N, C-alpha and C. Protein backbone atom coordinates (compact mmCIF):
# COMPACT_ATOMS: atom_id res chain seq x y z
N MET A 1 -13.47 41.16 70.96
CA MET A 1 -14.34 40.30 70.39
C MET A 1 -13.24 39.45 69.60
N ASP A 2 -13.49 38.11 68.77
CA ASP A 2 -12.39 37.91 67.68
C ASP A 2 -13.21 38.02 66.64
N ASN A 3 -12.50 38.73 65.43
CA ASN A 3 -13.17 39.01 64.09
C ASN A 3 -12.72 37.94 63.28
N GLU A 4 -12.57 36.84 63.84
CA GLU A 4 -12.26 35.81 62.73
C GLU A 4 -13.44 35.25 62.08
N LYS A 5 -13.56 35.00 60.90
CA LYS A 5 -14.82 34.37 60.26
C LYS A 5 -15.23 32.91 60.81
N LYS A 6 -16.01 32.35 61.39
CA LYS A 6 -15.88 31.36 61.60
C LYS A 6 -16.72 30.40 60.74
N LEU A 7 -15.85 29.01 60.12
CA LEU A 7 -16.28 28.25 59.25
C LEU A 7 -17.30 27.25 60.31
N CYS A 8 -18.37 26.77 59.07
CA CYS A 8 -19.65 26.18 59.69
C CYS A 8 -20.27 25.09 58.36
N GLY A 9 -20.81 24.28 59.12
CA GLY A 9 -21.53 23.01 57.66
C GLY A 9 -23.02 23.10 57.97
N ILE A 10 -23.21 22.88 56.82
CA ILE A 10 -25.17 23.09 57.15
C ILE A 10 -25.38 21.50 56.99
N TYR A 11 -26.29 20.96 57.65
CA TYR A 11 -26.37 19.54 57.32
C TYR A 11 -27.51 19.81 57.12
N MET A 12 -28.30 19.21 55.73
CA MET A 12 -29.67 19.48 55.38
C MET A 12 -30.67 18.22 55.24
N ARG A 13 -31.44 17.54 55.62
CA ARG A 13 -31.81 16.08 55.33
C ARG A 13 -33.81 15.96 55.63
N VAL A 14 -34.02 15.46 54.82
CA VAL A 14 -35.56 15.03 55.10
C VAL A 14 -35.87 14.05 55.37
N SER A 15 -36.54 13.21 56.57
CA SER A 15 -36.70 11.88 56.65
C SER A 15 -37.63 11.15 56.21
N THR A 16 -38.66 12.19 55.65
CA THR A 16 -39.67 11.53 55.15
C THR A 16 -40.40 12.43 54.05
N GLU A 17 -41.23 11.62 53.46
CA GLU A 17 -42.07 12.49 52.09
C GLU A 17 -43.07 13.50 53.18
N ASP A 18 -43.62 12.68 54.39
CA ASP A 18 -44.47 14.09 54.96
C ASP A 18 -43.75 15.32 55.68
N HIS A 19 -42.40 15.33 55.78
CA HIS A 19 -41.50 16.22 56.32
C HIS A 19 -41.31 17.22 55.00
N ALA A 20 -41.01 16.96 53.50
CA ALA A 20 -40.86 17.47 52.63
C ALA A 20 -42.61 18.23 52.18
N ARG A 21 -43.43 17.64 52.60
CA ARG A 21 -44.73 18.32 52.46
C ARG A 21 -44.99 19.15 53.01
N GLU A 22 -44.51 19.02 54.48
CA GLU A 22 -44.97 19.94 55.73
C GLU A 22 -44.04 21.37 55.67
N GLY A 23 -43.56 21.57 54.81
CA GLY A 23 -42.58 22.70 55.04
C GLY A 23 -41.21 22.59 55.47
N PHE A 24 -40.77 21.43 55.80
CA PHE A 24 -39.29 20.99 55.91
C PHE A 24 -38.41 20.47 54.85
N SER A 25 -39.05 21.00 53.80
CA SER A 25 -38.11 20.31 52.19
C SER A 25 -36.94 20.98 52.26
N LEU A 26 -35.98 20.65 51.64
CA LEU A 26 -34.38 20.95 51.65
C LEU A 26 -34.46 22.22 50.92
N PRO A 27 -35.29 22.12 50.12
CA PRO A 27 -34.76 24.00 49.55
C PRO A 27 -35.31 24.81 51.06
N GLU A 28 -35.95 24.39 51.61
CA GLU A 28 -36.99 25.44 52.75
C GLU A 28 -35.35 25.41 54.03
N GLN A 29 -35.01 24.43 54.06
CA GLN A 29 -34.52 24.33 55.06
C GLN A 29 -32.64 25.06 54.79
N LYS A 30 -32.48 24.52 53.28
CA LYS A 30 -31.05 25.58 53.08
C LYS A 30 -31.34 27.02 53.09
N GLU A 31 -32.43 27.67 52.23
CA GLU A 31 -32.36 28.94 52.36
C GLU A 31 -32.26 29.23 54.33
N ARG A 32 -33.40 28.62 55.17
CA ARG A 32 -33.30 29.26 56.49
C ARG A 32 -31.75 29.32 56.98
N LEU A 33 -31.12 28.10 56.69
CA LEU A 33 -29.90 27.72 57.20
C LEU A 33 -28.86 28.91 56.62
N GLU A 34 -28.74 29.12 55.57
CA GLU A 34 -28.23 30.28 54.64
C GLU A 34 -28.63 31.61 55.21
N THR A 35 -29.56 31.70 55.74
CA THR A 35 -29.80 32.99 56.29
C THR A 35 -29.39 33.62 57.41
N PHE A 36 -29.30 32.27 58.45
CA PHE A 36 -28.80 32.36 59.52
C PHE A 36 -27.46 32.60 59.46
N CYS A 37 -26.41 31.64 58.79
CA CYS A 37 -25.16 31.68 58.94
C CYS A 37 -24.41 33.13 58.39
N LYS A 38 -25.75 33.88 57.36
CA LYS A 38 -25.22 35.11 56.83
C LYS A 38 -25.25 36.23 58.10
N PHE A 39 -26.41 36.11 58.60
CA PHE A 39 -26.72 36.80 60.23
C PHE A 39 -25.92 36.77 60.82
N LYS A 40 -25.18 35.77 61.47
CA LYS A 40 -24.04 35.32 62.11
C LYS A 40 -22.87 35.45 61.95
N GLY A 41 -22.81 36.09 60.48
CA GLY A 41 -21.53 35.95 59.73
C GLY A 41 -20.01 35.00 59.33
N TRP A 42 -21.27 33.85 59.67
CA TRP A 42 -20.68 32.70 59.27
C TRP A 42 -20.20 32.11 57.99
N ILE A 43 -19.34 31.81 57.78
CA ILE A 43 -18.83 31.08 56.39
C ILE A 43 -19.23 29.62 56.49
N TYR A 44 -19.95 29.19 55.60
CA TYR A 44 -20.54 27.56 55.86
C TYR A 44 -20.39 27.12 54.32
N VAL A 45 -20.43 25.60 54.42
CA VAL A 45 -20.28 24.44 53.81
C VAL A 45 -21.46 23.98 53.93
N LYS A 46 -21.99 23.51 52.51
CA LYS A 46 -23.05 22.49 52.22
C LYS A 46 -22.49 20.79 52.75
N PHE A 47 -23.64 20.60 53.34
CA PHE A 47 -23.61 19.04 53.30
C PHE A 47 -25.14 18.53 53.42
N LEU A 48 -25.54 17.61 52.40
CA LEU A 48 -26.84 17.12 51.81
C LEU A 48 -26.88 15.75 52.36
N ASP A 49 -28.16 15.20 53.03
CA ASP A 49 -28.11 13.97 53.04
C ASP A 49 -29.44 13.42 52.72
N THR A 50 -29.36 12.68 51.31
CA THR A 50 -31.17 12.82 50.27
C THR A 50 -31.67 11.24 51.03
N PHE A 51 -31.25 11.04 51.60
CA PHE A 51 -31.59 9.29 52.39
C PHE A 51 -33.01 9.97 52.90
N PHE A 52 -34.25 8.57 52.91
CA PHE A 52 -35.21 8.41 53.89
C PHE A 52 -35.04 7.42 54.59
N VAL A 53 -35.68 8.12 55.93
CA VAL A 53 -35.06 7.09 56.99
C VAL A 53 -36.97 6.42 57.68
N THR A 54 -37.02 5.00 57.17
CA THR A 54 -37.74 4.29 57.28
C THR A 54 -37.67 3.40 58.62
N LYS A 55 -39.11 3.77 59.20
CA LYS A 55 -39.20 3.18 60.33
C LYS A 55 -39.48 1.32 60.21
């Protein structure tokens, strides 16, 4: 198996203020995604989108 480290990007965003209140906050996403990348042995960079989508 290939022993090279994989590089990946983390994309975090919250579409609405409701998402932020219901456990989909940016800090929660960051923690979960970083934990997953570390578990997989991936090197990650962070990308952040702080815009809210409106209907």
